[in-house]
Amino acid sequence: MRRRPLPAALLLVLPLLASGCLAAAAGAAGGGLYFTTRGVGQVVEGGFGPVTDAARKAFTTLGVEYKGQKDSDDDKNREIWGKSGDDDVTVDLEERTDVATKVEVSVKTGAVTWDKDMARKILGEIQKNRKG
């Protein structure tokens, strides 16, 4: 039986898959969920203000105690943080357009561990809340 070489396109994509860049690029381009090393992210339909409000509401709904936020100098990036029990919750928001906001959520459970399932749950709640 003769082995077929991998198609050239697949060979070009393999390094991207290994680095996680393809997932991030796909998430940024199409609004699909992607995983980071510490959590999850997605480009969410909605302006920066409404998505920020949706994130705060998600904290309340899921019992995350709001601890504060920090805005960038250009007001296009915002970090919101809170506590869920002993876990540190962070939501990073980045304005992409007037109708799209990049959201990344992480839930730190230990010195080097993160709860991606809880991060995905928070992101889902943000999505739900931004729809009204």
Protein backbone atom coordinates (compact mmCIF):
# COMPACT_ATOMS: atom_id res chain seq x y z
CA MET A 1 0.00 0.00 0.00
CA ARG A 2 1.35 3.39 -0.99
CA ARG A 3 1.32 6.27 1.52
CA ARG A 4 0.10 9.65 0.37
CA PRO A 5 1.97 12.73 1.59
CA LEU A 6 0.03 15.28 3.57
CA PRO A 7 -1.46 17.97 1.38
CA ALA A 8 0.57 21.18 1.31
CA ALA A 9 -2.26 23.18 2.89
CA LEU A 10 -2.33 20.86 5.90
CA LEU A 11 1.42 21.24 6.34
CA LEU A 12 0.98 25.02 6.42
CA VAL A 13 -1.78 24.82 9.05
CA LEU A 14 -0.05 22.41 11.45
CA PRO A 15 2.28 25.03 13.01
CA LEU A 16 -0.71 27.31 13.60
CA LEU A 17 -2.65 24.52 15.28
CA ALA A 18 0.27 23.73 17.54
CA SER A 19 0.60 27.34 18.67
CA GLY A 20 -3.10 27.99 19.14
CA CYS A 21 -2.98 30.92 16.72
CA LEU A 22 -5.45 29.36 14.32
CA ALA A 23 -8.11 29.04 17.01
CA ALA A 24 -7.59 32.64 18.07
CA ALA A 25 -7.68 33.84 14.46
CA ALA A 26 -10.84 31.87 13.78
CA GLY A 27 -12.45 33.24 16.92
CA ALA A 28 -11.55 36.80 16.03
CA ALA A 29 -12.72 36.49 12.46
CA GLY A 30 -15.93 34.58 12.84
CA GLY A 31 -17.04 35.18 16.40
CA GLY A 32 -16.52 31.53 17.35
CA LEU A 33 -15.49 30.41 20.80
CA TYR A 34 -11.78 29.82 21.24
CA PHE A 35 -9.67 28.59 24.13
CA THR A 36 -6.68 30.43 25.54
CA THR A 37 -4.07 28.96 27.86
CA ARG A 38 -6.08 30.28 30.81
CA GLY A 39 -9.69 30.44 29.68
CA VAL A 40 -11.98 31.15 26.77
CA GLY A 41 -12.64 34.00 24.40
CA GLN A 42 -15.00 35.14 21.70
CA VAL A 43 -15.77 38.20 19.63
CA VAL A 44 -19.23 39.10 20.87
CA GLU A 45 -21.83 40.98 18.90
CA GLY A 46 -22.48 44.22 20.75
CA GLY A 47 -20.89 47.54 21.54
CA PHE A 48 -18.29 47.98 24.25
CA GLY A 49 -20.70 49.55 26.78
CA PRO A 50 -23.51 47.00 26.44
CA VAL A 51 -21.08 44.06 26.58
CA THR A 52 -19.47 45.55 29.71
CA ASP A 53 -22.93 45.77 31.29
CA ALA A 54 -23.61 42.17 30.25
CA ALA A 55 -20.38 41.05 31.95
CA ARG A 56 -21.31 42.78 35.20
CA LYS A 57 -24.77 41.22 35.07
CA ALA A 58 -23.17 37.80 34.48
CA PHE A 59 -21.14 38.28 37.68
CA THR A 60 -24.33 38.98 39.63
CA THR A 61 -26.24 36.09 38.07
CA LEU A 62 -23.45 33.57 38.73
CA GLY A 63 -22.61 34.80 42.22
CA VAL A 64 -19.23 36.32 41.33
CA GLU A 65 -18.38 39.16 43.71
CA TYR A 66 -17.37 42.24 41.68
CA LYS A 67 -14.02 43.59 42.90
CA GLY A 68 -13.19 46.31 40.39
CA GLN A 69 -12.13 47.24 36.91
CA LYS A 70 -9.35 48.98 35.07
CA ASP A 71 -9.68 50.85 31.77
CA SER A 72 -6.93 51.52 29.26
CA ASP A 73 -5.91 55.10 28.51
CA ASP A 74 -7.73 55.00 25.15
CA ASP A 75 -10.91 53.52 26.73
CA LYS A 76 -10.93 50.64 24.21
CA ASN A 77 -9.85 47.96 26.70
CA ARG A 78 -11.29 47.11 30.09
CA GLU A 79 -10.44 44.46 32.67
CA ILE A 80 -13.14 43.49 35.15
CA TRP A 81 -12.27 41.24 38.05
CA GLY A 82 -14.08 39.49 40.83
CA LYS A 83 -14.08 36.53 43.20
CA SER A 84 -16.07 33.32 43.10
CA GLY A 85 -15.30 31.64 46.41
CA ASP A 86 -11.50 31.41 46.42
CA ASP A 87 -11.25 31.71 42.62
CA ASP A 88 -10.15 34.89 40.82
CA VAL A 89 -12.37 35.77 37.86
CA THR A 90 -11.14 38.13 35.12
CA VAL A 91 -13.01 39.39 32.08
CA ASP A 92 -10.93 41.25 29.49
CA LEU A 93 -12.88 43.37 27.01
CA GLU A 94 -11.50 44.93 23.85
CA GLU A 95 -13.55 47.17 21.57
CA ARG A 96 -13.23 45.86 18.01
CA THR A 97 -15.90 47.93 16.26
CA ASP A 98 -19.04 49.82 17.28
CA VAL A 99 -20.92 46.50 17.16
CA ALA A 100 -18.29 43.92 18.18
CA THR A 101 -16.32 43.41 21.38
CA LYS A 102 -13.63 40.81 22.03
CA VAL A 103 -14.23 39.09 25.38
CA GLU A 104 -11.77 36.79 27.16
CA VAL A 105 -12.67 35.15 30.47
CA SER A 106 -10.37 33.35 32.90
CA VAL A 107 -11.03 31.78 36.28
CA LYS A 108 -7.84 31.20 38.27
CA THR A 109 -8.23 28.41 40.83
CA GLY A 110 -4.62 28.06 41.99
CA ALA A 111 -1.10 29.27 41.35
CA VAL A 112 -1.00 27.69 37.90
CA THR A 113 -4.49 26.26 37.36
CA TRP A 114 -7.59 27.64 35.68
CA ASP A 115 -11.21 26.51 35.42
CA LYS A 116 -12.06 26.73 31.71
CA ASP A 117 -15.52 25.23 32.26
CA MET A 118 -16.48 28.06 34.61
CA ALA A 119 -14.92 30.58 32.23
CA ARG A 120 -17.07 29.18 29.42
CA LYS A 121 -20.15 29.40 31.67
CA ILE A 122 -19.43 33.08 32.41
CA LEU A 123 -18.89 33.82 28.72
CA GLY A 124 -22.19 32.10 27.92
CA GLU A 125 -23.94 34.25 30.50
CA ILE A 126 -22.38 37.39 28.98
CA GLN A 127 -23.71 36.30 25.57
CA LYS A 128 -27.15 35.71 27.05
CA ASN A 129 -27.21 39.05 28.89
CA ARG A 130 -26.15 41.15 25.93
CA LYS A 131 -29.26 39.98 24.08
CA GLY A 132 -31.47 41.57 26.69
